[in-house]
Amino acid sequence: MKYFSFFITLVMFFAAPTIRAQRCLPGQRELQFTAGTVNGFNMNPKSKEFDFHTGIALSQFTKSFNRWQFGVDYLEKGFLYKYNSIPQAQFTADAGYFLNILSDVRKTFFVSVGASAVGGYETVYWGKKVLFDGAAINDKDGFLYGGALALETEVYLTNRFALFAGVKERFLTGSSIGALNTLFSVGIKFSIN
């Protein structure tokens, strides 16, 4: 029995560097849920200047731990006017590619950069043209299109579950308020196959 245990230990010792975790394999898919702030770190949701975004995305891995990602997002920004907040909302969809630039040997920690095409719709004050005090809104609702650059880090807690944080810079033409938005995100990922 001693020799058998010694043999198994020896095999595991030499095989360990070649054993890989069953995560981020080519063709594997993940579902991601995201939430975060926009253009800063105001974390008080009761503030009239609280800007936030939320989203859901589906990723599919390719070789070398790179991935395609397809998602939808909701973004809301508030603009102060006489102690009230005037909301700007964006409903967008994006498709992009993320390149793995750094990971550890055990494949539990990843850093990725990505680029995406983004399109969607923007509404200011939910389409209303007159404010509560009779002032007119000149900004118009309309379609958006553009792109985004992103940097993400993720940590796998198990083969099927990961936590991530990221920053994304979006440039969208067609917005009547501002073309650039910086999104700070945290979220969770689940492997679905």
N, C-alpha and C. Protein backbone atom coordinates (compact mmCIF):
# COMPACT_ATOMS: atom_id res chain seq x y z
N MET A 1 0.82 -1.19 0.00
CA MET A 1 0.00 0.00 0.00
C MET A 1 0.86 1.25 0.00
N LYS A 2 2.02 1.19 0.69
CA LYS A 2 2.92 2.34 0.70
C LYS A 2 3.39 2.69 -0.71
N TYR A 3 3.74 1.64 -1.47
CA TYR A 3 4.25 1.88 -2.81
C TYR A 3 3.17 2.46 -3.72
N PHE A 4 1.95 2.00 -3.55
CA PHE A 4 0.84 2.51 -4.35
C PHE A 4 0.61 3.99 -4.04
N SER A 5 0.60 4.37 -2.77
CA SER A 5 0.44 5.77 -2.37
C SER A 5 1.58 6.63 -2.90
N PHE A 6 2.81 6.09 -2.80
CA PHE A 6 3.97 6.82 -3.31
C PHE A 6 3.85 7.02 -4.82
N PHE A 7 3.40 5.98 -5.54
CA PHE A 7 3.25 6.07 -7.00
C PHE A 7 2.20 7.11 -7.37
N ILE A 8 1.06 7.11 -6.71
CA ILE A 8 -0.01 8.08 -6.98
C ILE A 8 0.49 9.50 -6.69
N THR A 9 1.20 9.68 -5.59
CA THR A 9 1.75 10.99 -5.25
C THR A 9 2.73 11.45 -6.32
N LEU A 10 3.58 10.55 -6.78
CA LEU A 10 4.56 10.89 -7.80
C LEU A 10 3.87 11.27 -9.12
N VAL A 11 2.87 10.53 -9.52
CA VAL A 11 2.13 10.84 -10.75
C VAL A 11 1.45 12.20 -10.63
N MET A 12 0.83 12.50 -9.51
CA MET A 12 0.16 13.79 -9.30
C MET A 12 1.16 14.94 -9.31
N PHE A 13 2.35 14.69 -8.75
CA PHE A 13 3.37 15.73 -8.71
C PHE A 13 3.80 16.13 -10.13
N PHE A 14 4.00 15.13 -11.00
CA PHE A 14 4.44 15.45 -12.35
C PHE A 14 3.29 15.85 -13.26
N ALA A 15 2.08 15.45 -12.94
CA ALA A 15 0.93 15.79 -13.77
C ALA A 15 0.33 17.14 -13.39
N ALA A 16 0.59 17.61 -12.18
CA ALA A 16 -0.03 18.85 -11.70
C ALA A 16 0.19 20.04 -12.61
N PRO A 17 1.39 20.27 -13.15
CA PRO A 17 1.54 21.43 -14.03
C PRO A 17 0.70 21.35 -15.30
N THR A 18 0.30 20.15 -15.72
CA THR A 18 -0.48 20.02 -16.95
C THR A 18 -1.98 20.00 -16.67
N ILE A 19 -2.39 19.82 -15.43
CA ILE A 19 -3.81 19.81 -15.11
C ILE A 19 -4.30 21.25 -15.10
N ARG A 20 -5.42 21.50 -15.79
CA ARG A 20 -5.95 22.84 -15.89
C ARG A 20 -7.38 22.87 -15.38
N ALA A 21 -7.78 24.00 -14.83
CA ALA A 21 -9.15 24.14 -14.36
C ALA A 21 -10.11 24.12 -15.55
N GLN A 22 -11.33 23.70 -15.28
CA GLN A 22 -12.34 23.62 -16.32
C GLN A 22 -13.09 24.94 -16.41
N ARG A 23 -12.38 26.01 -16.74
CA ARG A 23 -13.00 27.32 -16.89
C ARG A 23 -12.39 28.01 -18.09
N CYS A 24 -13.18 28.88 -18.71
CA CYS A 24 -12.73 29.69 -19.86
C CYS A 24 -12.25 28.83 -21.03
N LEU A 25 -12.86 27.69 -21.23
CA LEU A 25 -12.49 26.81 -22.33
C LEU A 25 -13.14 27.29 -23.62
N PRO A 26 -12.53 27.03 -24.78
CA PRO A 26 -13.14 27.45 -26.05
C PRO A 26 -14.57 26.93 -26.18
N GLY A 27 -15.49 27.82 -26.51
CA GLY A 27 -16.90 27.46 -26.65
C GLY A 27 -17.71 27.60 -25.38
N GLN A 28 -17.06 27.73 -24.23
CA GLN A 28 -17.77 27.86 -22.97
C GLN A 28 -18.46 29.23 -22.92
N ARG A 29 -19.65 29.27 -22.33
CA ARG A 29 -20.43 30.51 -22.24
C ARG A 29 -20.61 30.93 -20.79
N GLU A 30 -20.69 32.26 -20.60
CA GLU A 30 -20.93 32.83 -19.27
C GLU A 30 -22.01 33.88 -19.36
N LEU A 31 -22.80 33.95 -18.31
CA LEU A 31 -23.81 34.99 -18.16
C LEU A 31 -23.31 35.95 -17.10
N GLN A 32 -23.37 37.25 -17.40
CA GLN A 32 -22.78 38.27 -16.53
C GLN A 32 -23.83 39.30 -16.16
N PHE A 33 -23.87 39.66 -14.88
CA PHE A 33 -24.76 40.72 -14.37
C PHE A 33 -23.89 41.84 -13.84
N THR A 34 -24.19 43.08 -14.26
CA THR A 34 -23.34 44.23 -13.99
C THR A 34 -24.14 45.36 -13.36
N ALA A 35 -23.50 46.10 -12.46
CA ALA A 35 -24.06 47.34 -11.92
C ALA A 35 -22.91 48.27 -11.60
N GLY A 36 -23.18 49.58 -11.63
CA GLY A 36 -22.10 50.51 -11.32
C GLY A 36 -22.51 51.95 -11.45
N THR A 37 -21.52 52.81 -11.36
CA THR A 37 -21.74 54.25 -11.43
C THR A 37 -21.24 54.79 -12.77
N VAL A 38 -21.65 56.02 -13.05
CA VAL A 38 -21.30 56.67 -14.31
C VAL A 38 -20.59 57.99 -14.00
N ASN A 39 -19.44 58.20 -14.62
CA ASN A 39 -18.69 59.46 -14.52
C ASN A 39 -18.35 59.85 -13.08
N GLY A 40 -18.03 58.90 -12.25
CA GLY A 40 -17.64 59.21 -10.88
C GLY A 40 -18.08 58.13 -9.92
N PHE A 41 -17.88 58.40 -8.64
CA PHE A 41 -18.16 57.39 -7.61
C PHE A 41 -19.20 57.86 -6.60
N ASN A 42 -20.24 58.56 -7.04
CA ASN A 42 -21.32 58.94 -6.13
C ASN A 42 -22.15 57.69 -5.84
N MET A 43 -21.99 57.11 -4.65
CA MET A 43 -22.63 55.84 -4.30
C MET A 43 -23.90 56.02 -3.49
N ASN A 44 -24.42 57.23 -3.38
CA ASN A 44 -25.63 57.49 -2.61
C ASN A 44 -26.84 57.52 -3.53
N PRO A 45 -27.66 56.45 -3.56
CA PRO A 45 -28.79 56.43 -4.48
C PRO A 45 -29.88 57.45 -4.15
N LYS A 46 -29.85 58.05 -2.95
CA LYS A 46 -30.84 59.08 -2.61
C LYS A 46 -30.42 60.46 -3.10
N SER A 47 -29.18 60.58 -3.57
CA SER A 47 -28.68 61.85 -4.09
C SER A 47 -29.34 62.17 -5.43
N LYS A 48 -29.60 63.44 -5.68
CA LYS A 48 -30.17 63.84 -6.96
C LYS A 48 -29.14 63.80 -8.07
N GLU A 49 -27.88 63.61 -7.73
CA GLU A 49 -26.82 63.51 -8.72
C GLU A 49 -26.29 62.07 -8.84
N PHE A 50 -27.07 61.10 -8.39
CA PHE A 50 -26.67 59.69 -8.46
C PHE A 50 -26.87 59.19 -9.89
N ASP A 51 -25.79 58.81 -10.56
CA ASP A 51 -25.82 58.27 -11.91
C ASP A 51 -25.45 56.80 -11.82
N PHE A 52 -26.18 55.95 -12.52
CA PHE A 52 -25.92 54.51 -12.42
C PHE A 52 -26.16 53.82 -13.75
N HIS A 53 -25.68 52.60 -13.83
CA HIS A 53 -25.97 51.75 -14.98
C HIS A 53 -26.09 50.32 -14.49
N THR A 54 -26.79 49.52 -15.26
CA THR A 54 -26.94 48.10 -14.98
C THR A 54 -27.03 47.36 -16.31
N GLY A 55 -26.64 46.11 -16.31
CA GLY A 55 -26.67 45.38 -17.57
C GLY A 55 -26.55 43.88 -17.39
N ILE A 56 -26.75 43.20 -18.50
CA ILE A 56 -26.61 41.76 -18.56
C ILE A 56 -25.90 41.44 -19.88
N ALA A 57 -25.01 40.46 -19.86
CA ALA A 57 -24.25 40.11 -21.06
C ALA A 57 -24.01 38.62 -21.12
N LEU A 58 -23.79 38.14 -22.34
CA LEU A 58 -23.45 36.75 -22.60
C LEU A 58 -22.08 36.73 -23.27
N SER A 59 -21.17 35.93 -22.73
CA SER A 59 -19.82 35.80 -23.28
C SER A 59 -19.60 34.38 -23.79
N GLN A 60 -18.82 34.27 -24.86
CA GLN A 60 -18.39 32.95 -25.35
C GLN A 60 -16.89 33.00 -25.55
N PHE A 61 -16.19 32.04 -24.96
CA PHE A 61 -14.73 32.02 -25.00
C PHE A 61 -14.21 31.43 -26.30
N THR A 62 -13.07 31.97 -26.73
CA THR A 62 -12.33 31.46 -27.87
C THR A 62 -11.01 30.90 -27.35
N LYS A 63 -10.05 30.68 -28.22
CA LYS A 63 -8.75 30.19 -27.78
C LYS A 63 -8.01 31.27 -26.99
N SER A 64 -7.07 30.86 -26.19
CA SER A 64 -6.21 31.74 -25.39
C SER A 64 -7.00 32.59 -24.39
N PHE A 65 -8.15 32.11 -23.95
CA PHE A 65 -8.97 32.75 -22.92
C PHE A 65 -9.53 34.10 -23.37
N ASN A 66 -9.57 34.36 -24.66
CA ASN A 66 -10.24 35.55 -25.18
C ASN A 66 -11.72 35.25 -25.28
N ARG A 67 -12.55 36.30 -25.49
CA ARG A 67 -13.99 36.04 -25.54
C ARG A 67 -14.74 37.09 -26.36
N TRP A 68 -15.83 36.65 -26.96
CA TRP A 68 -16.82 37.53 -27.57
C TRP A 68 -17.85 37.85 -26.51
N GLN A 69 -18.38 39.06 -26.52
CA GLN A 69 -19.39 39.43 -25.52
C GLN A 69 -20.51 40.22 -26.18
N PHE A 70 -21.75 39.86 -25.84
CA PHE A 70 -22.95 40.52 -26.34
C PHE A 70 -23.81 40.90 -25.14
N GLY A 71 -24.23 42.16 -25.07
CA GLY A 71 -24.98 42.57 -23.89
C GLY A 71 -25.94 43.71 -24.13
N VAL A 72 -26.76 43.97 -23.12
CA VAL A 72 -27.68 45.11 -23.10
C VAL A 72 -27.46 45.85 -21.78
N ASP A 73 -27.60 47.18 -21.84
CA ASP A 73 -27.37 48.03 -20.67
C ASP A 73 -28.47 49.08 -20.54
N TYR A 74 -28.69 49.49 -19.31
CA TYR A 74 -29.53 50.64 -19.00
C TYR A 74 -28.67 51.62 -18.22
N LEU A 75 -28.63 52.87 -18.64
CA LEU A 75 -27.84 53.91 -17.99
C LEU A 75 -28.76 55.08 -17.69
N GLU A 76 -28.64 55.63 -16.47
CA GLU A 76 -29.43 56.81 -16.12
C GLU A 76 -28.55 57.84 -15.43
N LYS A 77 -28.64 59.07 -15.93
CA LYS A 77 -27.93 60.20 -15.35
C LYS A 77 -28.96 61.25 -14.95
N GLY A 78 -28.70 61.92 -13.85
CA GLY A 78 -29.59 62.99 -13.40
C GLY A 78 -28.90 64.34 -13.52
N PHE A 79 -29.64 65.33 -13.99
CA PHE A 79 -29.11 66.69 -14.12
C PHE A 79 -29.93 67.60 -13.22
N LEU A 80 -29.24 68.32 -12.34
CA LEU A 80 -29.92 69.19 -11.38
C LEU A 80 -30.52 70.41 -12.06
N TYR A 81 -31.77 70.69 -11.72
CA TYR A 81 -32.46 71.89 -12.17
C TYR A 81 -33.37 72.34 -11.04
N LYS A 82 -33.03 73.45 -10.41
CA LYS A 82 -33.82 74.00 -9.31
C LYS A 82 -34.14 72.94 -8.25
N TYR A 83 -33.11 72.27 -7.77
CA TYR A 83 -33.21 71.27 -6.71
C TYR A 83 -33.99 70.02 -7.11
N ASN A 84 -34.23 69.83 -8.37
CA ASN A 84 -34.85 68.61 -8.88
C ASN A 84 -33.90 67.96 -9.88
N SER A 85 -34.08 66.69 -10.08
CA SER A 85 -33.24 65.94 -11.01
C SER A 85 -34.00 65.67 -12.30
N ILE A 86 -33.39 66.03 -13.42
CA ILE A 86 -33.96 65.76 -14.74
C ILE A 86 -33.23 64.53 -15.28
N PRO A 87 -33.93 63.41 -15.49
CA PRO A 87 -33.23 62.17 -15.89
C PRO A 87 -32.93 62.10 -17.40
N GLN A 88 -31.77 61.57 -17.69
CA GLN A 88 -31.40 61.17 -19.04
C GLN A 88 -31.19 59.66 -18.98
N ALA A 89 -31.88 58.92 -19.82
CA ALA A 89 -31.77 57.46 -19.81
C ALA A 89 -31.30 56.96 -21.17
N GLN A 90 -30.44 55.96 -21.15
CA GLN A 90 -29.97 55.32 -22.38
C GLN A 90 -30.21 53.83 -22.29
N PHE A 91 -30.79 53.28 -23.34
CA PHE A 91 -31.00 51.84 -23.50
C PHE A 91 -30.09 51.42 -24.65
N THR A 92 -29.08 50.59 -24.37
CA THR A 92 -28.10 50.25 -25.39
C THR A 92 -27.85 48.76 -25.47
N ALA A 93 -27.35 48.34 -26.63
CA ALA A 93 -26.88 46.97 -26.85
C ALA A 93 -25.47 47.08 -27.40
N ASP A 94 -24.63 46.11 -27.04
CA ASP A 94 -23.26 46.15 -27.55
C ASP A 94 -22.77 44.75 -27.90
N ALA A 95 -21.80 44.73 -28.80
CA ALA A 95 -21.14 43.49 -29.20
C ALA A 95 -19.66 43.79 -29.30
N GLY A 96 -18.82 42.96 -28.66
CA GLY A 96 -17.40 43.25 -28.67
C GLY A 96 -16.54 42.03 -28.43
N TYR A 97 -15.24 42.28 -28.48
CA TYR A 97 -14.24 41.23 -28.31
C TYR A 97 -13.29 41.63 -27.19
N PHE A 98 -13.02 40.70 -26.26
CA PHE A 98 -12.13 40.95 -25.14
C PHE A 98 -10.90 40.07 -25.27
N LEU A 99 -9.75 40.69 -25.11
CA LEU A 99 -8.47 40.03 -25.24
C LEU A 99 -7.85 39.85 -23.86
N ASN A 100 -7.52 38.62 -23.50
CA ASN A 100 -6.87 38.33 -22.23
C ASN A 100 -5.43 38.83 -22.29
N ILE A 101 -5.06 39.77 -21.39
CA ILE A 101 -3.69 40.29 -21.41
C ILE A 101 -2.86 39.81 -20.22
N LEU A 102 -3.52 39.27 -19.18
CA LEU A 102 -2.79 38.81 -18.01
C LEU A 102 -3.64 37.78 -17.26
N SER A 103 -3.00 36.69 -16.83
CA SER A 103 -3.70 35.70 -16.00
C SER A 103 -2.65 34.94 -15.21
N ASP A 104 -3.10 34.35 -14.11
CA ASP A 104 -2.18 33.54 -13.31
C ASP A 104 -2.13 32.12 -13.85
N VAL A 105 -1.22 31.32 -13.35
CA VAL A 105 -1.02 29.96 -13.83
C VAL A 105 -2.24 29.08 -13.57
N ARG A 106 -2.91 29.29 -12.45
CA ARG A 106 -4.07 28.45 -12.10
C ARG A 106 -5.35 28.91 -12.79
N LYS A 107 -5.29 30.02 -13.53
CA LYS A 107 -6.44 30.58 -14.26
C LYS A 107 -7.58 30.95 -13.32
N THR A 108 -7.24 31.61 -12.23
CA THR A 108 -8.26 32.13 -11.31
C THR A 108 -8.37 33.64 -11.39
N PHE A 109 -7.37 34.31 -11.95
CA PHE A 109 -7.35 35.76 -12.05
C PHE A 109 -7.04 36.16 -13.48
N PHE A 110 -7.88 37.04 -14.05
CA PHE A 110 -7.70 37.49 -15.43
C PHE A 110 -7.79 39.01 -15.50
N VAL A 111 -7.04 39.59 -16.42
CA VAL A 111 -7.18 40.99 -16.80
C VAL A 111 -7.39 41.00 -18.31
N SER A 112 -8.45 41.68 -18.75
CA SER A 112 -8.80 41.70 -20.17
C SER A 112 -9.05 43.13 -20.64
N VAL A 113 -8.75 43.39 -21.90
CA VAL A 113 -9.12 44.65 -22.55
C VAL A 113 -10.06 44.29 -23.69
N GLY A 114 -11.00 45.22 -23.96
CA GLY A 114 -11.97 44.93 -25.01
C GLY A 114 -12.42 46.16 -25.75
N ALA A 115 -12.96 45.93 -26.92
CA ALA A 115 -13.56 46.98 -27.74
C ALA A 115 -14.92 46.49 -28.20
N SER A 116 -15.90 47.40 -28.21
CA SER A 116 -17.27 47.03 -28.55
C SER A 116 -17.90 48.06 -29.47
N ALA A 117 -18.82 47.60 -30.30
CA ALA A 117 -19.71 48.48 -31.04
C ALA A 117 -20.98 48.63 -30.19
N VAL A 118 -21.49 49.85 -30.08
CA VAL A 118 -22.63 50.13 -29.20
C VAL A 118 -23.69 50.89 -29.98
N GLY A 119 -24.95 50.53 -29.77
CA GLY A 119 -26.07 51.24 -30.37
C GLY A 119 -27.25 51.22 -29.42
N GLY A 120 -28.13 52.22 -29.55
CA GLY A 120 -29.29 52.24 -28.66
C GLY A 120 -30.13 53.48 -28.82
N TYR A 121 -30.86 53.80 -27.75
CA TYR A 121 -31.81 54.91 -27.75
C TYR A 121 -31.64 55.71 -26.47
N GLU A 122 -31.77 57.03 -26.59
CA GLU A 122 -31.65 57.93 -25.45
C GLU A 122 -32.92 58.76 -25.32
N THR A 123 -33.37 58.93 -24.08
CA THR A 123 -34.50 59.80 -23.81
C THR A 123 -34.14 60.75 -22.67
N VAL A 124 -34.60 61.99 -22.77
CA VAL A 124 -34.36 63.00 -21.75
C VAL A 124 -35.71 63.35 -21.12
N TYR A 125 -35.81 63.21 -19.82
CA TYR A 125 -37.03 63.49 -19.05
C TYR A 125 -38.21 62.70 -19.59
N TRP A 126 -37.91 61.49 -20.04
CA TRP A 126 -38.90 60.52 -20.53
C TRP A 126 -39.78 61.08 -21.65
N GLY A 127 -39.15 61.94 -22.48
CA GLY A 127 -39.85 62.47 -23.66
C GLY A 127 -40.67 63.72 -23.40
N LYS A 128 -40.78 64.15 -22.16
CA LYS A 128 -41.54 65.35 -21.86
C LYS A 128 -40.75 66.56 -22.34
N LYS A 129 -41.45 67.58 -22.84
CA LYS A 129 -40.79 68.76 -23.37
C LYS A 129 -40.90 69.98 -22.46
N VAL A 130 -41.73 69.88 -21.41
CA VAL A 130 -41.91 71.00 -20.49
C VAL A 130 -41.63 70.52 -19.07
N LEU A 131 -40.82 71.31 -18.34
CA LEU A 131 -40.50 70.97 -16.96
C LEU A 131 -41.62 71.39 -16.02
N PHE A 132 -41.48 71.03 -14.76
CA PHE A 132 -42.49 71.29 -13.74
C PHE A 132 -42.77 72.78 -13.54
N ASP A 133 -41.81 73.64 -13.89
CA ASP A 133 -42.01 75.09 -13.71
C ASP A 133 -42.34 75.80 -15.01
N GLY A 134 -42.59 75.06 -16.08
CA GLY A 134 -42.96 75.64 -17.37
C GLY A 134 -41.79 75.84 -18.32
N ALA A 135 -40.55 75.59 -17.88
CA ALA A 135 -39.38 75.73 -18.76
C ALA A 135 -39.40 74.62 -19.82
N ALA A 136 -38.91 74.97 -21.01
CA ALA A 136 -38.89 74.02 -22.13
C ALA A 136 -37.56 73.25 -22.15
N ILE A 137 -37.65 72.01 -22.56
CA ILE A 137 -36.45 71.17 -22.75
C ILE A 137 -36.13 71.16 -24.23
N ASN A 138 -34.93 71.59 -24.57
CA ASN A 138 -34.52 71.62 -25.98
C ASN A 138 -33.85 70.33 -26.42
N ASP A 139 -33.36 69.52 -25.48
CA ASP A 139 -32.72 68.26 -25.83
C ASP A 139 -33.76 67.28 -26.36
N LYS A 140 -33.37 66.51 -27.37
CA LYS A 140 -34.31 65.61 -28.02
C LYS A 140 -33.94 64.15 -27.77
N ASP A 141 -34.95 63.31 -27.78
CA ASP A 141 -34.72 61.88 -27.74
C ASP A 141 -34.17 61.45 -29.10
N GLY A 142 -33.40 60.37 -29.10
CA GLY A 142 -32.87 59.92 -30.38
C GLY A 142 -32.06 58.65 -30.27
N PHE A 143 -31.65 58.17 -31.44
CA PHE A 143 -30.85 56.95 -31.51
C PHE A 143 -29.38 57.27 -31.32
N LEU A 144 -28.67 56.35 -30.69
CA LEU A 144 -27.25 56.48 -30.40
C LEU A 144 -26.48 55.39 -31.13
N TYR A 145 -25.24 55.70 -31.48
CA TYR A 145 -24.35 54.69 -32.04
C TYR A 145 -22.92 55.13 -31.78
N GLY A 146 -22.04 54.16 -31.64
CA GLY A 146 -20.65 54.46 -31.37
C GLY A 146 -19.91 53.23 -30.90
N GLY A 147 -18.98 53.44 -29.98
CA GLY A 147 -18.15 52.33 -29.52
C GLY A 147 -17.73 52.50 -28.07
N ALA A 148 -17.02 51.50 -27.58
CA ALA A 148 -16.56 51.51 -26.19
C ALA A 148 -15.24 50.76 -26.09
N LEU A 149 -14.40 51.23 -25.17
CA LEU A 149 -13.17 50.53 -24.79
C LEU A 149 -13.29 50.16 -23.32
N ALA A 150 -12.85 48.96 -22.96
CA ALA A 150 -13.04 48.48 -21.59
C ALA A 150 -11.78 47.79 -21.06
N LEU A 151 -11.65 47.84 -19.74
CA LEU A 151 -10.62 47.11 -19.00
C LEU A 151 -11.34 46.39 -17.86
N GLU A 152 -11.18 45.06 -17.78
CA GLU A 152 -11.85 44.26 -16.76
C GLU A 152 -10.88 43.36 -16.03
N THR A 153 -11.12 43.15 -14.74
CA THR A 153 -10.42 42.14 -13.97
C THR A 153 -11.47 41.20 -13.40
N GLU A 154 -11.15 39.93 -13.34
CA GLU A 154 -12.08 38.96 -12.79
C GLU A 154 -11.34 37.92 -11.97
N VAL A 155 -12.01 37.45 -10.93
CA VAL A 155 -11.47 36.43 -10.03
C VAL A 155 -12.48 35.30 -9.95
N TYR A 156 -12.04 34.10 -10.30
CA TYR A 156 -12.90 32.92 -10.23
C TYR A 156 -12.85 32.35 -8.83
N LEU A 157 -14.01 32.25 -8.19
CA LEU A 157 -14.12 31.63 -6.88
C LEU A 157 -14.31 30.13 -7.00
N THR A 158 -15.00 29.71 -8.06
CA THR A 158 -15.16 28.30 -8.42
C THR A 158 -15.03 28.22 -9.94
N ASN A 159 -15.15 27.02 -10.50
CA ASN A 159 -15.09 26.89 -11.95
C ASN A 159 -16.28 27.54 -12.65
N ARG A 160 -17.39 27.73 -11.95
CA ARG A 160 -18.60 28.27 -12.55
C ARG A 160 -18.99 29.66 -12.06
N PHE A 161 -18.24 30.25 -11.15
CA PHE A 161 -18.65 31.51 -10.54
C PHE A 161 -17.45 32.45 -10.41
N ALA A 162 -17.63 33.71 -10.85
CA ALA A 162 -16.55 34.69 -10.79
C ALA A 162 -17.10 36.05 -10.38
N LEU A 163 -16.25 36.84 -9.74
CA LEU A 163 -16.53 38.24 -9.44
C LEU A 163 -15.65 39.09 -10.35
N PHE A 164 -16.16 40.24 -10.79
CA PHE A 164 -15.34 41.08 -11.64
C PHE A 164 -15.58 42.55 -11.35
N ALA A 165 -14.61 43.36 -11.78
CA ALA A 165 -14.70 44.82 -11.71
C ALA A 165 -14.11 45.35 -13.01
N GLY A 166 -14.63 46.49 -13.45
CA GLY A 166 -14.13 47.03 -14.70
C GLY A 166 -14.44 48.49 -14.88
N VAL A 167 -13.81 49.05 -15.89
CA VAL A 167 -14.07 50.43 -16.30
C VAL A 167 -14.24 50.42 -17.81
N LYS A 168 -15.23 51.19 -18.29
CA LYS A 168 -15.52 51.24 -19.72
C LYS A 168 -15.73 52.69 -20.12
N GLU A 169 -15.11 53.10 -21.21
CA GLU A 169 -15.29 54.44 -21.75
C GLU A 169 -16.12 54.31 -23.02
N ARG A 170 -17.33 54.94 -23.01
CA ARG A 170 -18.21 54.87 -24.17
C ARG A 170 -18.23 56.20 -24.91
N PHE A 171 -18.19 56.14 -26.23
CA PHE A 171 -18.35 57.32 -27.07
C PHE A 171 -19.54 57.06 -27.97
N LEU A 172 -20.62 57.83 -27.77
CA LEU A 172 -21.85 57.62 -28.52
C LEU A 172 -22.26 58.92 -29.21
N THR A 173 -22.31 58.91 -30.53
CA THR A 173 -22.82 60.05 -31.25
C THR A 173 -24.34 59.96 -31.27
N GLY A 174 -24.98 61.09 -31.41
CA GLY A 174 -26.44 61.14 -31.40
C GLY A 174 -27.00 61.58 -30.07
N SER A 175 -26.18 61.62 -29.02
CA SER A 175 -26.63 62.06 -27.71
C SER A 175 -26.75 63.58 -27.71
N SER A 176 -27.84 64.09 -27.18
CA SER A 176 -28.03 65.54 -27.13
C SER A 176 -27.38 66.15 -25.89
N ILE A 177 -26.87 65.33 -24.98
CA ILE A 177 -26.30 65.85 -23.74
C ILE A 177 -24.79 65.69 -23.70
N GLY A 178 -24.28 64.53 -24.02
CA GLY A 178 -22.84 64.31 -23.97
C GLY A 178 -22.48 63.01 -24.64
N ALA A 179 -21.37 63.01 -25.39
CA ALA A 179 -20.98 61.82 -26.15
C ALA A 179 -20.16 60.85 -25.33
N LEU A 180 -19.42 61.33 -24.32
CA LEU A 180 -18.52 60.46 -23.54
C LEU A 180 -19.10 60.15 -22.17
N ASN A 181 -19.04 58.89 -21.80
CA ASN A 181 -19.43 58.45 -20.45
C ASN A 181 -18.44 57.39 -20.00
N THR A 182 -17.99 57.51 -18.74
CA THR A 182 -17.11 56.52 -18.14
C THR A 182 -17.93 55.69 -17.16
N LEU A 183 -17.97 54.39 -17.37
CA LEU A 183 -18.75 53.49 -16.54
C LEU A 183 -17.82 52.67 -15.65
N PHE A 184 -18.04 52.71 -14.34
CA PHE A 184 -17.32 51.89 -13.37
C PHE A 184 -18.26 50.77 -12.95
N SER A 185 -17.81 49.53 -13.05
CA SER A 185 -18.70 48.38 -12.87
C SER A 185 -18.16 47.35 -11.91
N VAL A 186 -19.07 46.66 -11.25
CA VAL A 186 -18.79 45.44 -10.52
C VAL A 186 -19.88 44.46 -10.90
N GLY A 187 -19.60 43.17 -10.74
CA GLY A 187 -20.61 42.21 -11.09
C GLY A 187 -20.21 40.79 -10.81
N ILE A 188 -21.08 39.89 -11.25
CA ILE A 188 -20.86 38.46 -11.09
C ILE A 188 -21.03 37.77 -12.44
N LYS A 189 -20.36 36.64 -12.60
CA LYS A 189 -20.43 35.83 -13.80
C LYS A 189 -20.73 34.39 -13.43
N PHE A 190 -21.58 33.75 -14.23
CA PHE A 190 -21.91 32.34 -14.06
C PHE A 190 -21.64 31.60 -15.35
N SER A 191 -20.95 30.50 -15.27
CA SER A 191 -20.76 29.64 -16.44
C SER A 191 -22.06 28.88 -16.65
N ILE A 192 -22.55 28.86 -17.91
CA ILE A 192 -23.85 28.22 -18.17
C ILE A 192 -23.72 26.94 -18.99
N ASN A 193 -22.50 26.52 -19.34
CA ASN A 193 -22.32 25.21 -20.00
C ASN A 193 -20.97 24.64 -19.69
